[in-house]
Protein backbone atom coordinates (compact mmCIF):
# COMPACT_ATOMS: atom_id res chain seq x y z
CA VAL A 1 6.86 -7.99 15.05
CA LYS A 2 10.07 -6.05 15.18
CA GLY A 3 12.75 -7.55 12.98
CA ALA A 4 10.31 -9.59 10.91
CA GLY A 5 10.27 -8.93 7.17
CA CYS A 6 7.21 -8.13 5.13
CA ASP A 7 6.27 -6.81 1.74
CA CYS A 8 3.90 -3.95 1.01
CA VAL A 9 0.80 -6.19 1.00
CA GLY A 10 1.84 -7.79 4.30
CA LEU A 11 2.36 -4.34 5.82
CA VAL A 12 -1.14 -3.20 4.79
CA MET A 13 -2.66 -6.44 6.09
CA ALA A 14 -0.80 -6.15 9.42
CA ALA A 15 -1.94 -2.54 9.84
CA ALA A 16 -5.55 -3.52 9.14
CA GLU A 17 -5.36 -6.40 11.59
CA ALA A 18 -3.78 -4.17 14.26
CA ALA A 19 -6.65 -1.71 13.78
CA GLY A 20 -9.15 -4.52 14.41
CA MET A 21 -10.36 -4.77 10.83
CA PRO A 22 -11.16 -8.12 9.27
CA THR A 23 -8.33 -9.31 7.04
CA PRO A 24 -9.05 -11.61 4.12
CA LYS A 25 -7.02 -14.61 3.11
CA LEU A 26 -5.20 -13.47 0.00
CA PRO A 27 -4.03 -15.52 -2.96
CA ILE A 28 -0.39 -16.53 -3.02
CA TYR A 29 1.76 -14.44 -5.34
CA GLY A 30 5.35 -14.39 -6.48
CA LEU A 31 8.11 -11.86 -6.05
CA GLN A 32 6.16 -9.38 -8.19
CA PRO A 33 2.40 -9.57 -7.58
CA ASN A 34 0.07 -9.90 -10.55
CA PHE A 35 -1.50 -6.45 -10.86
CA LEU A 36 -4.81 -7.86 -12.14
CA VAL A 37 -5.16 -10.07 -9.05
CA MET A 38 -4.04 -7.16 -6.87
CA ALA A 39 -6.63 -4.87 -8.47
CA GLY A 40 -9.37 -7.41 -7.87
CA GLU A 41 -8.41 -7.86 -4.22
CA LEU A 42 -8.23 -4.09 -3.64
CA ARG A 43 -11.70 -3.62 -5.17
CA LYS A 44 -13.08 -6.57 -3.23
CA HIS A 45 -11.88 -5.43 0.20
CA LEU A 46 -11.40 -1.64 0.06
CA ASP A 47 -13.36 1.31 -1.32
CA ASN A 48 -11.88 3.29 -4.19
CA ILE A 49 -11.58 6.99 -3.31
CA ALA A 50 -10.42 10.12 -5.12
CA PHE A 51 -6.86 11.28 -4.51
CA GLU A 52 -8.25 14.57 -3.17
CA ASP A 53 -10.10 12.64 -0.42
CA VAL A 54 -7.05 10.75 0.91
CA MET A 55 -6.60 10.78 4.70
CA PRO A 56 -4.15 9.11 7.09
CA GLY A 57 -4.82 5.38 7.16
CA ASP A 58 -5.84 5.20 3.49
CA VAL A 59 -3.94 3.04 1.02
CA ILE A 60 -2.30 4.34 -2.15
CA TRP A 61 -1.49 1.95 -4.99
CA PHE A 62 1.64 2.85 -6.96
CA ARG A 63 3.09 1.84 -10.31
CA ASP A 64 6.53 0.26 -10.29
CA GLN A 65 8.22 0.26 -13.69
CA GLY A 66 4.84 1.24 -15.18
CA ILE A 67 2.89 -1.61 -13.56
CA PRO A 68 0.65 -1.05 -10.51
CA ARG A 69 2.09 -3.34 -7.81
CA HIS A 70 3.18 -1.39 -4.72
CA LEU A 71 1.11 -0.21 -1.74
CA GLY A 72 1.68 2.46 0.88
CA ILE A 73 -0.36 3.59 3.87
CA VAL A 74 -0.94 7.35 4.18
CA THR A 75 0.60 8.73 7.37
CA SER A 76 0.14 12.47 6.83
CA ILE A 77 -1.49 14.89 4.40
CA ASN A 78 0.60 18.05 4.57
CA PRO A 79 3.08 17.00 3.40
CA LEU A 80 1.63 13.81 1.93
CA ALA A 81 3.61 10.84 3.26
CA ILE A 82 3.26 7.06 3.31
CA VAL A 83 4.71 4.17 5.23
CA HIS A 84 5.66 1.27 2.96
CA ALA A 85 7.92 -1.75 2.64
CA PHE A 86 11.07 -0.57 0.90
CA ASN A 87 13.21 -3.07 -1.01
CA LYS A 88 16.06 -1.86 -3.17
CA LYS A 89 19.62 -3.10 -3.61
CA ASN A 90 19.48 -5.41 -0.57
CA ILE A 91 18.02 -2.68 1.64
CA ARG A 92 14.77 -4.05 3.00
CA ARG A 93 12.84 -2.18 5.64
CA VAL A 94 9.62 -0.38 6.43
CA VAL A 95 10.10 3.34 5.91
CA GLU A 96 8.10 6.55 5.84
CA THR A 97 8.45 8.45 2.57
CA GLU A 98 7.17 11.85 1.49
CA VAL A 99 5.05 11.55 -1.65
CA GLY A 100 6.67 14.18 -3.83
CA GLN A 101 6.52 14.46 -7.61
CA PHE A 102 8.56 11.26 -8.05
CA TRP A 103 5.84 9.26 -6.31
CA ARG A 104 2.77 11.27 -7.36
CA TRP A 105 3.02 10.42 -11.06
CA LYS A 106 3.17 6.75 -10.05
CA ILE A 107 -0.19 6.74 -8.26
CA ALA A 108 -2.53 4.16 -9.79
CA GLY A 109 -5.35 4.41 -7.24
CA CYS A 110 -6.39 5.36 -3.73
CA TYR A 111 -8.40 3.19 -1.35
CA ARG A 112 -10.02 3.27 2.08
CA PHE A 113 -10.69 0.37 4.39
CA ARG A 114 -14.33 -0.53 4.74
CA THR A 115 -15.67 -0.07 8.24
């Protein structure tokens, strides 16, 4: 819904739902999701894939301040780019970002929706 806010998990869930995939009910989390819970939910509902196998529509899990807790959906391969919920200094929006060296060293895992 245009104008509605969401976080990175909500964005991934909305994309899955829009693609007709079943979306699980997720546990409630605070401002910063618990990475252990997040890891469990990712493993439970998506397949872990190698970075080299990433395609548009896949999900990349990123570290934020050293802790895995941010998700992005791959939009292109060459150059690698993601769409994600951006939140910094009161700027909150969904943006597309190229995954350059700044983002690549933050990758904690790559996942694909089960079909």
